[in-house]
């Protein structure tokens, strides 16, 4: 949505816009997952920075860009941004890791012709009312 304010006065050329998007259920791609409830999850495919960006958590400890995790127990493995299937239930076709539902908001404001350099340079059109007398 965008709104253009009046073309005259102190709000000349000022505009404001906003956008809202709801994302839910996109497949997360190649995410580590638990094969069963006892085998540790191998996290070596992800760098520490990737783990921090995904907000990987082991119980209450969160991964950081300089200190991540190598492996973890399936019961301790979670992420606040990705819905990870329960141990032993991951299936690429029917139950893949998915992006957690989220709402994204975007707001913007601006002003057209900030430097007031744009001028109409063409030949002005004649006033059509004068021709109908």
C-alpha atoms as a PDB file:
ATOM      1  CA  UNK A   1       0.000   0.000   0.000  1.00  0.00           C
ATOM      2  CA  UNK A   2       1.287   3.473  -0.820  1.00  0.00           C
ATOM      3  CA  UNK A   3      -0.212   6.880  -0.165  1.00  0.00           C
ATOM      4  CA  UNK A   4       0.822  10.097  -1.938  1.00  0.00           C
ATOM      5  CA  UNK A   5       0.110  13.239   0.093  1.00  0.00           C
ATOM      6  CA  UNK A   6      -1.175  16.508  -1.404  1.00  0.00           C
ATOM      7  CA  UNK A   7       0.887  18.008  -4.224  1.00  0.00           C
ATOM      8  CA  UNK A   8       0.797  21.485  -2.663  1.00  0.00           C
ATOM      9  CA  UNK A   9       1.826  22.890   0.677  1.00  0.00           C
ATOM     10  CA  UNK A  10       4.317  21.536   3.201  1.00  0.00           C
ATOM     11  CA  UNK A  11       3.621  17.903   2.232  1.00  0.00           C
ATOM     12  CA  UNK A  12       4.414  18.482  -1.455  1.00  0.00           C
ATOM     13  CA  UNK A  13       5.760  15.243  -2.915  1.00  0.00           C
ATOM     14  CA  UNK A  14       5.730  13.351   0.387  1.00  0.00           C
ATOM     15  CA  UNK A  15       4.655   9.704   0.260  1.00  0.00           C
ATOM     16  CA  UNK A  16       4.364   6.821   2.704  1.00  0.00           C
ATOM     17  CA  UNK A  17       4.074   3.110   2.080  1.00  0.00           C
ATOM     18  CA  UNK A  18       3.634  -0.092   3.992  1.00  0.00           C
ATOM     19  CA  UNK A  19       3.604  -3.816   3.347  1.00  0.00           C
ATOM     20  CA  UNK A  20       2.668  -6.888   5.386  1.00  0.00           C
ATOM     21  CA  UNK A  21       3.521 -10.452   4.368  1.00  0.00           C
ATOM     22  CA  UNK A  22       2.740 -13.690   6.184  1.00  0.00           C
ATOM     23  CA  UNK A  23       5.080 -16.587   5.416  1.00  0.00           C
ATOM     24  CA  UNK A  24       4.264 -20.100   6.466  1.00  0.00           C
ATOM     25  CA  UNK A  25       5.527 -23.510   5.530  1.00  0.00           C
ATOM     26  CA  UNK A  26       8.323 -22.990   3.019  1.00  0.00           C
ATOM     27  CA  UNK A  27      10.696 -25.958   2.925  1.00  0.00           C
ATOM     28  CA  UNK A  28      13.937 -25.140   4.748  1.00  0.00           C
ATOM     29  CA  UNK A  29      16.183 -27.228   2.504  1.00  0.00           C
ATOM     30  CA  UNK A  30      19.073 -29.366   3.709  1.00  0.00           C
ATOM     31  CA  UNK A  31      18.717 -29.116   7.485  1.00  0.00           C
ATOM     32  CA  UNK A  32      20.243 -31.607   9.931  1.00  0.00           C
ATOM     33  CA  UNK A  33      17.562 -33.787  11.520  1.00  0.00           C
ATOM     34  CA  UNK A  34      17.274 -36.611  14.031  1.00  0.00           C
ATOM     35  CA  UNK A  35      17.235 -40.076  12.462  1.00  0.00           C
ATOM     36  CA  UNK A  36      15.844 -41.552  15.683  1.00  0.00           C
ATOM     37  CA  UNK A  37      15.493 -40.547  19.334  1.00  0.00           C
ATOM     38  CA  UNK A  38      18.905 -41.889  20.450  1.00  0.00           C
ATOM     39  CA  UNK A  39      21.410 -41.093  17.646  1.00  0.00           C
ATOM     40  CA  UNK A  40      23.023 -37.637  18.063  1.00  0.00           C
ATOM     41  CA  UNK A  41      22.208 -35.057  15.386  1.00  0.00           C
ATOM     42  CA  UNK A  42      25.292 -34.213  13.284  1.00  0.00           C
ATOM     43  CA  UNK A  43      25.571 -30.417  13.034  1.00  0.00           C
ATOM     44  CA  UNK A  44      28.959 -30.291  11.261  1.00  0.00           C
ATOM     45  CA  UNK A  45      27.286 -29.425   7.905  1.00  0.00           C
ATOM     46  CA  UNK A  46      26.434 -26.003   9.319  1.00  0.00           C
ATOM     47  CA  UNK A  47      29.035 -23.403  10.220  1.00  0.00           C
ATOM     48  CA  UNK A  48      28.839 -21.745  13.624  1.00  0.00           C
ATOM     49  CA  UNK A  49      27.592 -18.578  11.927  1.00  0.00           C
ATOM     50  CA  UNK A  50      24.798 -20.500  10.175  1.00  0.00           C
ATOM     51  CA  UNK A  51      23.808 -22.081  13.482  1.00  0.00           C
ATOM     52  CA  UNK A  52      23.647 -18.640  15.097  1.00  0.00           C
ATOM     53  CA  UNK A  53      21.535 -17.248  12.233  1.00  0.00           C
ATOM     54  CA  UNK A  54      19.127 -20.197  12.484  1.00  0.00           C
ATOM     55  CA  UNK A  55      18.994 -19.695  16.253  1.00  0.00           C
ATOM     56  CA  UNK A  56      19.847 -23.315  16.911  1.00  0.00           C
ATOM     57  CA  UNK A  57      19.401 -24.189  20.545  1.00  0.00           C
ATOM     58  CA  UNK A  58      20.513 -27.066  22.699  1.00  0.00           C
ATOM     59  CA  UNK A  59      18.227 -26.932  25.696  1.00  0.00           C
ATOM     60  CA  UNK A  60      18.757 -23.298  26.810  1.00  0.00           C
ATOM     61  CA  UNK A  61      22.126 -22.627  25.146  1.00  0.00           C
ATOM     62  CA  UNK A  62      21.999 -20.823  21.801  1.00  0.00           C
ATOM     63  CA  UNK A  63      24.656 -21.121  19.071  1.00  0.00           C
ATOM     64  CA  UNK A  64      26.916 -18.118  18.443  1.00  0.00           C
ATOM     65  CA  UNK A  65      28.978 -17.092  15.416  1.00  0.00           C
ATOM     66  CA  UNK A  66      32.224 -18.062  17.210  1.00  0.00           C
ATOM     67  CA  UNK A  67      31.055 -21.065  19.233  1.00  0.00           C
ATOM     68  CA  UNK A  68      28.473 -23.419  17.784  1.00  0.00           C
ATOM     69  CA  UNK A  69      27.728 -27.115  18.223  1.00  0.00           C
ATOM     70  CA  UNK A  70      29.195 -30.242  16.617  1.00  0.00           C
ATOM     71  CA  UNK A  71      26.391 -32.629  17.579  1.00  0.00           C
ATOM     72  CA  UNK A  72      23.550 -32.892  20.050  1.00  0.00           C
ATOM     73  CA  UNK A  73      20.926 -35.244  21.406  1.00  0.00           C
ATOM     74  CA  UNK A  74      17.642 -35.182  19.450  1.00  0.00           C
ATOM     75  CA  UNK A  75      15.702 -34.239  22.585  1.00  0.00           C
ATOM     76  CA  UNK A  76      17.838 -31.069  22.971  1.00  0.00           C
ATOM     77  CA  UNK A  77      17.770 -29.951  19.323  1.00  0.00           C
ATOM     78  CA  UNK A  78      15.489 -27.009  18.390  1.00  0.00           C
ATOM     79  CA  UNK A  79      15.318 -23.742  16.477  1.00  0.00           C
ATOM     80  CA  UNK A  80      13.012 -20.770  16.930  1.00  0.00           C
ATOM     81  CA  UNK A  81      13.001 -20.041  13.167  1.00  0.00           C
ATOM     82  CA  UNK A  82      12.608 -23.554  11.734  1.00  0.00           C
ATOM     83  CA  UNK A  83      10.054 -26.246  12.487  1.00  0.00           C
ATOM     84  CA  UNK A  84      12.216 -29.372  12.776  1.00  0.00           C
ATOM     85  CA  UNK A  85      10.337 -32.701  12.515  1.00  0.00           C
ATOM     86  CA  UNK A  86      10.278 -34.991  15.547  1.00  0.00           C
ATOM     87  CA  UNK A  87      13.039 -37.633  15.684  1.00  0.00           C
ATOM     88  CA  UNK A  88      12.511 -40.373  13.093  1.00  0.00           C
ATOM     89  CA  UNK A  89       9.662 -38.595  11.254  1.00  0.00           C
ATOM     90  CA  UNK A  90      11.610 -36.485   8.682  1.00  0.00           C
ATOM     91  CA  UNK A  91      10.647 -37.248   5.077  1.00  0.00           C
ATOM     92  CA  UNK A  92      11.729 -35.014   2.173  1.00  0.00           C
ATOM     93  CA  UNK A  93       8.365 -35.456   0.408  1.00  0.00           C
ATOM     94  CA  UNK A  94       5.829 -35.494   3.237  1.00  0.00           C
ATOM     95  CA  UNK A  95       7.451 -34.028   6.371  1.00  0.00           C
ATOM     96  CA  UNK A  96      10.516 -31.862   5.591  1.00  0.00           C
ATOM     97  CA  UNK A  97      11.961 -29.195   7.912  1.00  0.00           C
ATOM     98  CA  UNK A  98      10.000 -26.004   7.279  1.00  0.00           C
ATOM     99  CA  UNK A  99      10.390 -22.311   7.993  1.00  0.00           C
ATOM    100  CA  UNK A 100       8.366 -21.404  11.077  1.00  0.00           C
ATOM    101  CA  UNK A 101       5.343 -19.147  10.429  1.00  0.00           C
ATOM    102  CA  UNK A 102       6.187 -15.441  10.624  1.00  0.00           C
ATOM    103  CA  UNK A 103       4.851 -12.008   9.767  1.00  0.00           C
ATOM    104  CA  UNK A 104       7.066  -9.520   7.948  1.00  0.00           C
ATOM    105  CA  UNK A 105       6.323  -5.798   8.080  1.00  0.00           C
ATOM    106  CA  UNK A 106       7.871  -3.087   5.924  1.00  0.00           C
ATOM    107  CA  UNK A 107       7.267   0.653   6.195  1.00  0.00           C
ATOM    108  CA  UNK A 108       8.772   3.438   4.100  1.00  0.00           C
ATOM    109  CA  UNK A 109       8.467   7.178   3.647  1.00  0.00           C
ATOM    110  CA  UNK A 110       9.996   9.469   1.085  1.00  0.00           C
ATOM    111  CA  UNK A 111       9.720  12.631  -0.897  1.00  0.00           C
ATOM    112  CA  UNK A 112       9.672  13.076  -4.659  1.00  0.00           C
ATOM    113  CA  UNK A 113      11.800  15.768  -6.290  1.00  0.00           C
ATOM    114  CA  UNK A 114      13.865  16.511  -3.186  1.00  0.00           C
ATOM    115  CA  UNK A 115      16.152  19.029  -4.897  1.00  0.00           C
ATOM    116  CA  UNK A 116      13.281  20.691  -6.834  1.00  0.00           C
ATOM    117  CA  UNK A 117      15.152  20.322 -10.137  1.00  0.00           C
ATOM    118  CA  UNK A 118      12.439  18.584 -12.166  1.00  0.00           C
ATOM    119  CA  UNK A 119      10.481  21.065 -14.244  1.00  0.00           C
ATOM    120  CA  UNK A 120       8.058  20.689 -17.108  1.00  0.00           C
ATOM    121  CA  UNK A 121      10.164  21.511 -20.184  1.00  0.00           C
ATOM    122  CA  UNK A 122       7.746  20.779 -22.994  1.00  0.00           C
ATOM    123  CA  UNK A 123       5.388  23.095 -24.829  1.00  0.00           C
ATOM    124  CA  UNK A 124       2.388  23.756 -22.588  1.00  0.00           C
ATOM    125  CA  UNK A 125      -0.909  22.358 -23.794  1.00  0.00           C
ATOM    126  CA  UNK A 126      -3.543  24.924 -24.833  1.00  0.00           C
ATOM    127  CA  UNK A 127      -6.463  25.435 -22.497  1.00  0.00           C
ATOM    128  CA  UNK A 128      -9.277  23.432 -24.116  1.00  0.00           C
ATOM    129  CA  UNK A 129     -12.009  25.577 -22.544  1.00  0.00           C
ATOM    130  CA  UNK A 130     -11.044  28.535 -24.750  1.00  0.00           C
ATOM    131  CA  UNK A 131     -11.816  26.589 -27.937  1.00  0.00           C
ATOM    132  CA  UNK A 132     -15.433  25.800 -26.977  1.00  0.00           C
ATOM    133  CA  UNK A 133     -16.769  29.370 -26.867  1.00  0.00           C
END
